[in-house]
């Protein structure tokens, strides 16, 4: 019985940890950067903050066909550079 309870706790911890990291990578958090990424306009402070918070997710977004064209664009690189965020090598 104790073994089964310990196994259940372990499974819950693994699932919870996996959900936490997935929740961190939320492309909708980059909506404030739509203007700069689409048009090359100057990014706002909130855009730069969102980019810094999502920096670990860029390669994941670049592999997603729905986001790749935006993440890999010249305007996205320009926005990252303006915000002082390193351009990832995926």
PDB file of N, CA and C in Angstrom:
ATOM      1  N   UNK A   1       0.831  -1.192   0.000  1.00  0.00           N
ATOM      2  CA  UNK A   1       0.000   0.000   0.000  1.00  0.00           C
ATOM      3  C   UNK A   1       0.879   1.262   0.000  1.00  0.00           C
ATOM      4  N   UNK A   2       1.925   1.273   0.822  1.00  0.00           N
ATOM      5  CA  UNK A   2       2.809   2.434   0.893  1.00  0.00           C
ATOM      6  C   UNK A   2       3.536   2.639  -0.427  1.00  0.00           C
ATOM      7  N   UNK A   3       3.901   1.522  -1.081  1.00  0.00           N
ATOM      8  CA  UNK A   3       4.563   1.618  -2.379  1.00  0.00           C
ATOM      9  C   UNK A   3       3.640   2.242  -3.418  1.00  0.00           C
ATOM     10  N   UNK A   4       2.391   1.847  -3.411  1.00  0.00           N
ATOM     11  CA  UNK A   4       1.422   2.388  -4.367  1.00  0.00           C
ATOM     12  C   UNK A   4       1.204   3.876  -4.121  1.00  0.00           C
ATOM     13  N   UNK A   5       1.136   4.277  -2.866  1.00  0.00           N
ATOM     14  CA  UNK A   5       0.949   5.695  -2.530  1.00  0.00           C
ATOM     15  C   UNK A   5       2.163   6.510  -2.966  1.00  0.00           C
ATOM     16  N   UNK A   6       3.364   5.974  -2.751  1.00  0.00           N
ATOM     17  CA  UNK A   6       4.588   6.667  -3.152  1.00  0.00           C
ATOM     18  C   UNK A   6       4.636   6.796  -4.673  1.00  0.00           C
ATOM     19  N   UNK A   7       4.232   5.767  -5.392  1.00  0.00           N
ATOM     20  CA  UNK A   7       4.212   5.805  -6.848  1.00  0.00           C
ATOM     21  C   UNK A   7       3.220   6.852  -7.351  1.00  0.00           C
ATOM     22  N   UNK A   8       2.059   6.926  -6.710  1.00  0.00           N
ATOM     23  CA  UNK A   8       1.052   7.909  -7.091  1.00  0.00           C
ATOM     24  C   UNK A   8       1.572   9.331  -6.888  1.00  0.00           C
ATOM     25  N   UNK A   9       2.240   9.568  -5.776  1.00  0.00           N
ATOM     26  CA  UNK A   9       2.817  10.885  -5.500  1.00  0.00           C
ATOM     27  C   UNK A   9       3.863  11.225  -6.554  1.00  0.00           C
ATOM     28  N   UNK A  10       4.699  10.268  -6.912  1.00  0.00           N
ATOM     29  CA  UNK A  10       5.723  10.489  -7.934  1.00  0.00           C
ATOM     30  C   UNK A  10       5.094  10.843  -9.281  1.00  0.00           C
ATOM     31  N   UNK A  11       4.058  10.129  -9.672  1.00  0.00           N
ATOM     32  CA  UNK A  11       3.375  10.406 -10.944  1.00  0.00           C
ATOM     33  C   UNK A  11       2.761  11.811 -10.921  1.00  0.00           C
ATOM     34  N   UNK A  12       2.136  12.176  -9.827  1.00  0.00           N
ATOM     35  CA  UNK A  12       1.533  13.508  -9.709  1.00  0.00           C
ATOM     36  C   UNK A  12       2.608  14.587  -9.816  1.00  0.00           C
ATOM     37  N   UNK A  13       3.750  14.379  -9.173  1.00  0.00           N
ATOM     38  CA  UNK A  13       4.835  15.366  -9.243  1.00  0.00           C
ATOM     39  C   UNK A  13       5.376  15.516 -10.653  1.00  0.00           C
ATOM     40  N   UNK A  14       5.545  14.419 -11.360  1.00  0.00           N
ATOM     41  CA  UNK A  14       6.061  14.468 -12.726  1.00  0.00           C
ATOM     42  C   UNK A  14       5.061  15.169 -13.643  1.00  0.00           C
ATOM     43  N   UNK A  15       3.802  14.844 -13.526  1.00  0.00           N
ATOM     44  CA  UNK A  15       2.779  15.469 -14.367  1.00  0.00           C
ATOM     45  C   UNK A  15       2.674  16.954 -14.052  1.00  0.00           C
ATOM     46  N   UNK A  16       2.710  17.319 -12.785  1.00  0.00           N
ATOM     47  CA  UNK A  16       2.625  18.724 -12.389  1.00  0.00           C
ATOM     48  C   UNK A  16       3.832  19.495 -12.891  1.00  0.00           C
ATOM     49  N   UNK A  17       5.009  18.925 -12.773  1.00  0.00           N
ATOM     50  CA  UNK A  17       6.218  19.603 -13.244  1.00  0.00           C
ATOM     51  C   UNK A  17       6.174  19.788 -14.749  1.00  0.00           C
ATOM     52  N   UNK A  18       5.710  18.803 -15.470  1.00  0.00           N
ATOM     53  CA  UNK A  18       5.595  18.918 -16.919  1.00  0.00           C
ATOM     54  C   UNK A  18       4.601  19.987 -17.310  1.00  0.00           C
ATOM     55  N   UNK A  19       3.509  20.098 -16.597  1.00  0.00           N
ATOM     56  CA  UNK A  19       2.514  21.125 -16.872  1.00  0.00           C
ATOM     57  C   UNK A  19       3.036  22.507 -16.569  1.00  0.00           C
ATOM     58  N   UNK A  20       3.872  22.637 -15.558  1.00  0.00           N
ATOM     59  CA  UNK A  20       4.400  23.952 -15.196  1.00  0.00           C
ATOM     60  C   UNK A  20       5.308  24.488 -16.283  1.00  0.00           C
ATOM     61  N   UNK A  21       6.173  23.652 -16.841  1.00  0.00           N
ATOM     62  CA  UNK A  21       7.069  24.152 -17.874  1.00  0.00           C
ATOM     63  C   UNK A  21       6.305  24.428 -19.163  1.00  0.00           C
ATOM     64  N   UNK A  22       5.295  23.626 -19.453  1.00  0.00           N
ATOM     65  CA  UNK A  22       4.500  23.871 -20.646  1.00  0.00           C
ATOM     66  C   UNK A  22       3.729  25.178 -20.516  1.00  0.00           C
ATOM     67  N   UNK A  23       3.270  25.495 -19.310  1.00  0.00           N
ATOM     68  CA  UNK A  23       2.518  26.728 -19.101  1.00  0.00           C
ATOM     69  C   UNK A  23       3.407  27.944 -19.297  1.00  0.00           C
ATOM     70  N   UNK A  24       4.699  27.818 -19.055  1.00  0.00           N
ATOM     71  CA  UNK A  24       5.616  28.933 -19.235  1.00  0.00           C
ATOM     72  C   UNK A  24       5.747  29.300 -20.705  1.00  0.00           C
ATOM     73  N   UNK A  25       5.669  28.331 -21.588  1.00  0.00           N
ATOM     74  CA  UNK A  25       5.781  28.585 -23.022  1.00  0.00           C
ATOM     75  C   UNK A  25       4.381  28.805 -23.583  1.00  0.00           C
ATOM     76  N   UNK A  26       3.972  30.055 -23.583  1.00  0.00           N
ATOM     77  CA  UNK A  26       2.653  30.425 -24.066  1.00  0.00           C
ATOM     78  C   UNK A  26       2.823  31.549 -25.070  1.00  0.00           C
ATOM     79  N   UNK A  27       2.709  31.219 -26.332  1.00  0.00           N
ATOM     80  CA  UNK A  27       2.943  32.200 -27.390  1.00  0.00           C
ATOM     81  C   UNK A  27       2.001  33.390 -27.298  1.00  0.00           C
ATOM     82  N   UNK A  28       0.845  33.219 -26.675  1.00  0.00           N
ATOM     83  CA  UNK A  28      -0.082  34.352 -26.547  1.00  0.00           C
ATOM     84  C   UNK A  28       0.505  35.461 -25.683  1.00  0.00           C
ATOM     85  N   UNK A  29       1.512  35.121 -24.857  1.00  0.00           N
ATOM     86  CA  UNK A  29       2.174  36.147 -24.053  1.00  0.00           C
ATOM     87  C   UNK A  29       2.988  37.104 -24.920  1.00  0.00           C
ATOM     88  N   UNK A  30       3.221  36.731 -26.162  1.00  0.00           N
ATOM     89  CA  UNK A  30       3.983  37.587 -27.074  1.00  0.00           C
ATOM     90  C   UNK A  30       3.081  38.456 -27.944  1.00  0.00           C
ATOM     91  N   UNK A  31       1.778  38.467 -27.678  1.00  0.00           N
ATOM     92  CA  UNK A  31       0.850  39.281 -28.464  1.00  0.00           C
ATOM     93  C   UNK A  31       1.221  40.757 -28.417  1.00  0.00           C
ATOM     94  N   UNK A  32       1.802  41.206 -27.307  1.00  0.00           N
ATOM     95  CA  UNK A  32       2.208  42.612 -27.197  1.00  0.00           C
ATOM     96  C   UNK A  32       3.334  42.945 -28.175  1.00  0.00           C
ATOM     97  N   UNK A  33       3.947  41.934 -28.765  1.00  0.00           N
ATOM     98  CA  UNK A  33       5.048  42.140 -29.726  1.00  0.00           C
ATOM     99  C   UNK A  33       4.585  41.980 -31.173  1.00  0.00           C
ATOM    100  N   UNK A  34       3.303  41.817 -31.401  1.00  0.00           N
ATOM    101  CA  UNK A  34       2.810  41.589 -32.756  1.00  0.00           C
ATOM    102  C   UNK A  34       3.199  42.724 -33.692  1.00  0.00           C
ATOM    103  N   UNK A  35       3.019  43.953 -33.264  1.00  0.00           N
ATOM    104  CA  UNK A  35       3.359  45.103 -34.110  1.00  0.00           C
ATOM    105  C   UNK A  35       4.817  45.096 -34.532  1.00  0.00           C
ATOM    106  N   UNK A  36       5.738  45.058 -33.575  1.00  0.00           N
ATOM    107  CA  UNK A  36       7.155  45.044 -33.950  1.00  0.00           C
ATOM    108  C   UNK A  36       7.553  43.843 -34.800  1.00  0.00           C
ATOM    109  N   UNK A  37       7.008  42.677 -34.507  1.00  0.00           N
ATOM    110  CA  UNK A  37       7.385  41.477 -35.261  1.00  0.00           C
ATOM    111  C   UNK A  37       6.803  41.509 -36.671  1.00  0.00           C
ATOM    112  N   UNK A  38       5.602  42.053 -36.814  1.00  0.00           N
ATOM    113  CA  UNK A  38       4.969  42.091 -38.131  1.00  0.00           C
ATOM    114  C   UNK A  38       5.417  43.276 -38.985  1.00  0.00           C
ATOM    115  N   UNK A  39       5.659  44.424 -38.324  1.00  0.00           N
ATOM    116  CA  UNK A  39       5.935  45.636 -39.100  1.00  0.00           C
ATOM    117  C   UNK A  39       7.332  46.210 -38.911  1.00  0.00           C
ATOM    118  N   UNK A  40       8.047  45.737 -37.895  1.00  0.00           N
ATOM    119  CA  UNK A  40       9.373  46.280 -37.631  1.00  0.00           C
ATOM    120  C   UNK A  40       9.350  47.543 -36.786  1.00  0.00           C
ATOM    121  N   UNK A  41       8.198  47.887 -36.218  1.00  0.00           N
ATOM    122  CA  UNK A  41       8.106  49.077 -35.368  1.00  0.00           C
ATOM    123  C   UNK A  41       8.891  48.863 -34.074  1.00  0.00           C
ATOM    124  N   UNK A  42       9.119  49.929 -33.347  1.00  0.00           N
ATOM    125  CA  UNK A  42       9.886  49.854 -32.106  1.00  0.00           C
ATOM    126  C   UNK A  42       9.091  49.109 -31.036  1.00  0.00           C
ATOM    127  N   UNK A  43       9.698  48.112 -30.396  1.00  0.00           N
ATOM    128  CA  UNK A  43       8.981  47.357 -29.363  1.00  0.00           C
ATOM    129  C   UNK A  43       8.813  48.178 -28.083  1.00  0.00           C
ATOM    130  N   UNK A  44       7.716  47.942 -27.390  1.00  0.00           N
ATOM    131  CA  UNK A  44       7.443  48.601 -26.115  1.00  0.00           C
ATOM    132  C   UNK A  44       8.213  47.890 -25.002  1.00  0.00           C
ATOM    133  N   UNK A  45       8.241  48.509 -23.843  1.00  0.00           N
ATOM    134  CA  UNK A  45       8.888  47.890 -22.682  1.00  0.00           C
ATOM    135  C   UNK A  45       8.185  46.586 -22.312  1.00  0.00           C
ATOM    136  N   UNK A  46       6.862  46.548 -22.446  1.00  0.00           N
ATOM    137  CA  UNK A  46       6.142  45.314 -22.109  1.00  0.00           C
ATOM    138  C   UNK A  46       6.445  44.213 -23.121  1.00  0.00           C
ATOM    139  N   UNK A  47       6.665  44.575 -24.379  1.00  0.00           N
ATOM    140  CA  UNK A  47       7.066  43.587 -25.377  1.00  0.00           C
ATOM    141  C   UNK A  47       8.416  43.003 -25.000  1.00  0.00           C
ATOM    142  N   UNK A  48       9.367  43.870 -24.691  1.00  0.00           N
ATOM    143  CA  UNK A  48      10.713  43.404 -24.331  1.00  0.00           C
ATOM    144  C   UNK A  48      10.673  42.512 -23.095  1.00  0.00           C
ATOM    145  N   UNK A  49       9.847  42.881 -22.141  1.00  0.00           N
ATOM    146  CA  UNK A  49       9.709  42.073 -20.927  1.00  0.00           C
ATOM    147  C   UNK A  49       9.149  40.694 -21.262  1.00  0.00           C
ATOM    148  N   UNK A  50       8.153  40.661 -22.138  1.00  0.00           N
ATOM    149  CA  UNK A  50       7.571  39.376 -22.548  1.00  0.00           C
ATOM    150  C   UNK A  50       8.582  38.523 -23.303  1.00  0.00           C
ATOM    151  N   UNK A  51       9.376  39.155 -24.145  1.00  0.00           N
ATOM    152  CA  UNK A  51      10.406  38.410 -24.873  1.00  0.00           C
ATOM    153  C   UNK A  51      11.416  37.798 -23.909  1.00  0.00           C
ATOM    154  N   UNK A  52      11.822  38.566 -22.914  1.00  0.00           N
ATOM    155  CA  UNK A  52      12.773  38.028 -21.925  1.00  0.00           C
ATOM    156  C   UNK A  52      12.166  36.847 -21.173  1.00  0.00           C
ATOM    157  N   UNK A  53      10.897  36.964 -20.816  1.00  0.00           N
ATOM    158  CA  UNK A  53      10.224  35.893 -20.067  1.00  0.00           C
ATOM    159  C   UNK A  53      10.057  34.636 -20.914  1.00  0.00           C
ATOM    160  N   UNK A  54       9.883  34.787 -22.228  1.00  0.00           N
ATOM    161  CA  UNK A  54       9.646  33.650 -23.116  1.00  0.00           C
ATOM    162  C   UNK A  54      10.906  33.182 -23.838  1.00  0.00           C
ATOM    163  N   UNK A  55      12.045  33.777 -23.521  1.00  0.00           N
ATOM    164  CA  UNK A  55      13.297  33.496 -24.241  1.00  0.00           C
ATOM    165  C   UNK A  55      13.604  32.006 -24.341  1.00  0.00           C
ATOM    166  N   UNK A  56      13.338  31.234 -23.316  1.00  0.00           N
ATOM    167  CA  UNK A  56      13.611  29.804 -23.341  1.00  0.00           C
ATOM    168  C   UNK A  56      12.682  29.014 -24.248  1.00  0.00           C
ATOM    169  N   UNK A  57      11.682  29.666 -24.779  1.00  0.00           N
ATOM    170  CA  UNK A  57      10.679  28.994 -25.600  1.00  0.00           C
ATOM    171  C   UNK A  57      10.858  29.230 -27.097  1.00  0.00           C
ATOM    172  N   UNK A  58      11.760  30.132 -27.476  1.00  0.00           N
ATOM    173  CA  UNK A  58      11.878  30.529 -28.880  1.00  0.00           C
ATOM    174  C   UNK A  58      12.130  29.354 -29.813  1.00  0.00           C
ATOM    175  N   UNK A  59      12.991  28.440 -29.434  1.00  0.00           N
ATOM    176  CA  UNK A  59      13.279  27.300 -30.313  1.00  0.00           C
ATOM    177  C   UNK A  59      12.049  26.409 -30.461  1.00  0.00           C
ATOM    178  N   UNK A  60      11.301  26.259 -29.378  1.00  0.00           N
ATOM    179  CA  UNK A  60      10.054  25.489 -29.443  1.00  0.00           C
ATOM    180  C   UNK A  60       9.080  26.163 -30.414  1.00  0.00           C
ATOM    181  N   UNK A  61       8.966  27.476 -30.332  1.00  0.00           N
ATOM    182  CA  UNK A  61       8.089  28.203 -31.251  1.00  0.00           C
ATOM    183  C   UNK A  61       8.599  28.096 -32.685  1.00  0.00           C
ATOM    184  N   UNK A  62       9.901  28.164 -32.868  1.00  0.00           N
ATOM    185  CA  UNK A  62      10.488  28.097 -34.213  1.00  0.00           C
ATOM    186  C   UNK A  62      10.220  26.748 -34.877  1.00  0.00           C
ATOM    187  N   UNK A  63      10.070  25.696 -34.081  1.00  0.00           N
ATOM    188  CA  UNK A  63       9.773  24.362 -34.630  1.00  0.00           C
ATOM    189  C   UNK A  63       8.284  24.181 -34.924  1.00  0.00           C
ATOM    190  N   UNK A  64       7.448  25.080 -34.416  1.00  0.00           N
ATOM    191  CA  UNK A  64       6.005  24.987 -34.618  1.00  0.00           C
ATOM    192  C   UNK A  64       5.645  25.710 -35.919  1.00  0.00           C
ATOM    193  N   UNK A  65       5.089  25.007 -36.900  1.00  0.00           N
ATOM    194  CA  UNK A  65       4.768  25.638 -38.181  1.00  0.00           C
ATOM    195  C   UNK A  65       3.855  26.865 -38.059  1.00  0.00           C
ATOM    196  N   UNK A  66       3.033  26.918 -37.026  1.00  0.00           N
ATOM    197  CA  UNK A  66       2.126  28.056 -36.842  1.00  0.00           C
ATOM    198  C   UNK A  66       2.877  29.328 -36.468  1.00  0.00           C
ATOM    199  N   UNK A  67       4.041  29.199 -35.829  1.00  0.00           N
ATOM    200  CA  UNK A  67       4.786  30.358 -35.344  1.00  0.00           C
ATOM    201  C   UNK A  67       6.115  30.574 -36.058  1.00  0.00           C
ATOM    202  N   UNK A  68       6.618  29.567 -36.734  1.00  0.00           N
ATOM    203  CA  UNK A  68       7.978  29.608 -37.284  1.00  0.00           C
ATOM    204  C   UNK A  68       8.219  30.804 -38.191  1.00  0.00           C
ATOM    205  N   UNK A  69       7.277  31.118 -39.049  1.00  0.00           N
ATOM    206  CA  UNK A  69       7.472  32.214 -39.996  1.00  0.00           C
ATOM    207  C   UNK A  69       7.668  33.544 -39.262  1.00  0.00           C
ATOM    208  N   UNK A  70       7.022  33.700 -38.117  1.00  0.00           N
ATOM    209  CA  UNK A  70       7.157  34.936 -37.344  1.00  0.00           C
ATOM    210  C   UNK A  70       8.444  34.955 -36.531  1.00  0.00           C
ATOM    211  N   UNK A  71       8.739  33.835 -35.878  1.00  0.00           N
ATOM    212  CA  UNK A  71       9.910  33.740 -35.013  1.00  0.00           C
ATOM    213  C   UNK A  71      11.199  33.862 -35.818  1.00  0.00           C
ATOM    214  N   UNK A  72      11.199  33.342 -37.037  1.00  0.00           N
ATOM    215  CA  UNK A  72      12.405  33.345 -37.861  1.00  0.00           C
ATOM    216  C   UNK A  72      12.522  34.589 -38.753  1.00  0.00           C
ATOM    217  N   UNK A  73      11.584  35.520 -38.653  1.00  0.00           N
ATOM    218  CA  UNK A  73      11.573  36.685 -39.544  1.00  0.00           C
ATOM    219  C   UNK A  73      12.651  37.704 -39.186  1.00  0.00           C
ATOM    220  N   UNK A  74      12.986  38.526 -40.151  1.00  0.00           N
ATOM    221  CA  UNK A  74      13.961  39.604 -39.930  1.00  0.00           C
ATOM    222  C   UNK A  74      13.444  40.586 -38.881  1.00  0.00           C
ATOM    223  N   UNK A  75      12.142  40.858 -38.886  1.00  0.00           N
ATOM    224  CA  UNK A  75      11.577  41.772 -37.893  1.00  0.00           C
ATOM    225  C   UNK A  75      11.645  41.190 -36.485  1.00  0.00           C
ATOM    226  N   UNK A  76      11.501  39.875 -36.359  1.00  0.00           N
ATOM    227  CA  UNK A  76      11.632  39.248 -35.040  1.00  0.00           C
ATOM    228  C   UNK A  76      13.061  39.393 -34.536  1.00  0.00           C
ATOM    229  N   UNK A  77      14.030  39.172 -35.418  1.00  0.00           N
ATOM    230  CA  UNK A  77      15.438  39.348 -35.028  1.00  0.00           C
ATOM    231  C   UNK A  77      15.716  40.797 -34.639  1.00  0.00           C
ATOM    232  N   UNK A  78      15.158  41.725 -35.405  1.00  0.00           N
ATOM    233  CA  UNK A  78      15.325  43.153 -35.103  1.00  0.00           C
ATOM    234  C   UNK A  78      14.708  43.483 -33.742  1.00  0.00           C
ATOM    235  N   UNK A  79      13.538  42.928 -33.460  1.00  0.00           N
ATOM    236  CA  UNK A  79      12.864  43.171 -32.179  1.00  0.00           C
ATOM    237  C   UNK A  79      13.692  42.622 -31.029  1.00  0.00           C
ATOM    238  N   UNK A  80      14.201  41.400 -31.188  1.00  0.00           N
ATOM    239  CA  UNK A  80      15.047  40.814 -30.146  1.00  0.00           C
ATOM    240  C   UNK A  80      16.279  41.679 -29.896  1.00  0.00           C
ATOM    241  N   UNK A  81      16.911  42.104 -30.982  1.00  0.00           N
ATOM    242  CA  UNK A  81      18.120  42.918 -30.854  1.00  0.00           C
ATOM    243  C   UNK A  81      17.816  44.243 -30.156  1.00  0.00           C
ATOM    244  N   UNK A  82      16.725  44.884 -30.531  1.00  0.00           N
ATOM    245  CA  UNK A  82      16.330  46.150 -29.914  1.00  0.00           C
ATOM    246  C   UNK A  82      16.073  45.969 -28.422  1.00  0.00           C
ATOM    247  N   UNK A  83      15.523  44.831 -28.052  1.00  0.00           N
ATOM    248  CA  UNK A  83      15.220  44.545 -26.642  1.00  0.00           C
ATOM    249  C   UNK A  83      16.435  44.018 -25.875  1.00  0.00           C
ATOM    250  N   UNK A  84      17.525  43.772 -26.575  1.00  0.00           N
ATOM    251  CA  UNK A  84      18.702  43.251 -25.907  1.00  0.00           C
ATOM    252  C   UNK A  84      18.602  41.790 -25.541  1.00  0.00           C
ATOM    253  N   UNK A  85      17.774  41.064 -26.288  1.00  0.00           N
ATOM    254  CA  UNK A  85      17.588  39.628 -26.054  1.00  0.00           C
ATOM    255  C   UNK A  85      18.406  38.886 -27.099  1.00  0.00           C
ATOM    256  N   UNK A  86      19.196  37.924 -26.663  1.00  0.00           N
ATOM    257  CA  UNK A  86      20.040  37.155 -27.583  1.00  0.00           C
ATOM    258  C   UNK A  86      19.176  36.368 -28.569  1.00  0.00           C
ATOM    259  N   UNK A  87      19.621  36.370 -29.815  1.00  0.00           N
ATOM    260  CA  UNK A  87      18.931  35.589 -30.851  1.00  0.00           C
ATOM    261  C   UNK A  87      19.339  34.125 -30.658  1.00  0.00           C
ATOM    262  N   UNK A  88      18.351  33.252 -30.444  1.00  0.00           N
ATOM    263  CA  UNK A  88      18.680  31.857 -30.159  1.00  0.00           C
ATOM    264  C   UNK A  88      19.213  31.120 -31.386  1.00  0.00           C
ATOM    265  N   UNK A  89      20.049  30.142 -31.121  1.00  0.00           N
ATOM    266  CA  UNK A  89      20.511  29.220 -32.161  1.00  0.00           C
ATOM    267  C   UNK A  89      19.841  27.888 -31.875  1.00  0.00           C
ATOM    268  N   UNK A  90      18.949  27.507 -32.763  1.00  0.00           N
ATOM    269  CA  UNK A  90      18.171  26.285 -32.523  1.00  0.00           C
ATOM    270  C   UNK A  90      18.717  25.135 -33.363  1.00  0.00           C
TER     271      UNK A  90
END
